[in-house]
Amino acid sequence: MRVFAHPLRLDSEGAIATVEQWSPMQAAQVAVGIVSTFAGERELAPQFGIADPVGVGLDADTVAAAIGLCEPDLLLVDVAIDAANADGRQAVALTVAWRDDDDEGQI
């Protein structure tokens, strides 16, 4: 089944871009959505997101906790966080996959 891509955008033909549900691309888009959303920003889901969406002072444990809380079906495989640059921001690189029953509790 195809679902809307995130962020919502148009494809080259002018249609709403989609990705395959449960695909690696959807997993990556969900993880980016979590890490780039300020906790409390979504009124109907106030715990969705991370306390530091601009990437200043993030650590791997904070990222893992946010992903585990916001999307328990995601398995955080790897996280790399760069030191803050001149404007105080950090780059965050995530590797995620959809969790299967054998992965339960491995984060």
Protein backbone atom coordinates (compact mmCIF):
# COMPACT_ATOMS: atom_id res chain seq x y z
CA MET A 1 0.00 0.00 0.00
CA ARG A 2 1.27 3.48 -0.84
CA VAL A 3 1.16 6.23 1.81
CA PHE A 4 1.95 9.95 1.66
CA ALA A 5 5.64 10.80 1.67
CA HIS A 6 6.95 13.04 4.42
CA PRO A 7 7.36 15.91 4.07
CA LEU A 8 4.23 16.22 1.99
CA ARG A 9 5.22 17.27 -1.54
CA LEU A 10 4.40 16.83 -5.20
CA ASP A 11 6.25 14.39 -7.44
CA SER A 12 7.60 15.23 -10.90
CA GLU A 13 4.17 14.60 -12.43
CA GLY A 14 2.35 16.94 -10.06
CA ALA A 15 0.78 14.20 -7.93
CA ILE A 16 1.25 13.86 -4.17
CA ALA A 17 4.47 11.93 -3.56
CA THR A 18 4.03 8.54 -1.92
CA VAL A 19 6.20 5.78 -0.49
CA GLU A 20 5.48 2.13 0.12
CA GLN A 21 4.14 1.50 3.61
CA TRP A 22 6.63 -0.37 5.84
CA SER A 23 9.47 0.35 3.38
CA PRO A 24 12.94 1.50 4.45
CA MET A 25 12.14 4.92 2.95
CA GLN A 26 9.04 5.28 5.10
CA ALA A 27 11.03 4.22 8.18
CA ALA A 28 13.61 6.92 7.44
CA GLN A 29 10.91 9.54 6.91
CA VAL A 30 9.20 8.66 10.20
CA ALA A 31 12.53 8.89 12.08
CA VAL A 32 13.33 12.28 10.53
CA GLY A 33 9.86 13.48 11.49
CA ILE A 34 10.45 12.51 15.11
CA VAL A 35 13.89 14.09 15.39
CA SER A 36 12.85 17.30 13.61
CA THR A 37 9.68 17.91 15.65
CA PHE A 38 9.78 19.80 18.93
CA ALA A 39 8.07 17.86 21.73
CA GLY A 40 4.78 19.65 22.39
CA GLU A 41 4.58 21.11 18.87
CA ARG A 42 1.74 18.76 17.90
CA GLU A 43 -1.19 19.60 20.15
CA LEU A 44 -2.93 16.25 19.61
CA ALA A 45 0.29 14.31 20.25
CA PRO A 46 2.25 16.44 22.74
CA GLN A 47 4.88 13.77 23.46
CA PHE A 48 5.71 13.27 19.78
CA GLY A 49 9.13 14.63 18.92
CA ILE A 50 12.29 15.48 20.72
CA ALA A 51 13.12 18.12 23.31
CA ASP A 52 15.88 19.54 21.08
CA PRO A 53 14.71 19.69 17.44
CA VAL A 54 17.38 22.18 16.35
CA GLY A 55 20.17 19.76 17.24
CA VAL A 56 21.99 21.58 20.01
CA GLY A 57 23.19 19.23 22.72
CA LEU A 58 21.64 16.03 21.40
CA ASP A 59 22.99 12.65 22.39
CA ALA A 60 22.29 9.13 21.15
CA ASP A 61 20.28 8.20 24.25
CA THR A 62 17.90 11.14 23.76
CA VAL A 63 17.36 10.21 20.11
CA ALA A 64 16.81 6.53 20.97
CA ALA A 65 14.32 7.42 23.72
CA ALA A 66 12.33 9.73 21.42
CA ILE A 67 12.13 7.16 18.63
CA GLY A 68 11.19 4.40 21.09
CA LEU A 69 8.41 6.53 22.59
CA CYS A 70 7.05 8.00 19.35
CA GLU A 71 7.25 4.96 17.08
CA PRO A 72 7.81 1.66 18.91
CA ASP A 73 7.77 -0.23 15.59
CA LEU A 74 11.04 1.47 14.56
CA LEU A 75 14.37 -0.08 15.43
CA LEU A 76 17.20 2.44 15.77
CA VAL A 77 20.16 0.62 14.22
CA ASP A 78 22.72 3.43 14.43
CA VAL A 79 22.93 7.11 15.29
CA ALA A 80 25.81 9.48 14.59
CA ILE A 81 25.73 13.02 15.96
CA ASP A 82 28.32 15.57 14.89
CA ALA A 83 29.77 18.16 17.22
CA ALA A 84 28.04 21.52 17.07
CA ASN A 85 29.10 23.72 14.16
CA ALA A 86 29.72 27.50 14.26
CA ASP A 87 26.00 28.34 14.59
CA GLY A 88 25.57 25.77 17.37
CA ARG A 89 23.71 23.13 15.35
CA GLN A 90 24.49 19.43 15.16
CA ALA A 91 23.97 17.07 12.22
CA VAL A 92 22.20 13.84 13.12
CA ALA A 93 22.47 10.74 10.91
CA LEU A 94 20.09 7.87 11.69
CA THR A 95 19.90 4.32 10.45
CA VAL A 96 16.52 2.76 11.20
CA ALA A 97 14.50 -0.27 10.19
CA TRP A 98 11.07 -1.56 10.95
CA ARG A 99 11.15 -3.80 14.00
CA ASP A 100 10.02 -7.39 13.63
CA ASP A 101 8.88 -9.62 16.46
CA ASP A 102 12.41 -10.98 16.95
CA ASP A 103 13.76 -7.47 17.63
CA GLU A 104 11.44 -6.74 20.55
CA GLY A 105 13.26 -4.73 23.21
CA GLN A 106 16.62 -4.42 21.48
CA ILE A 107 16.88 -0.62 21.43
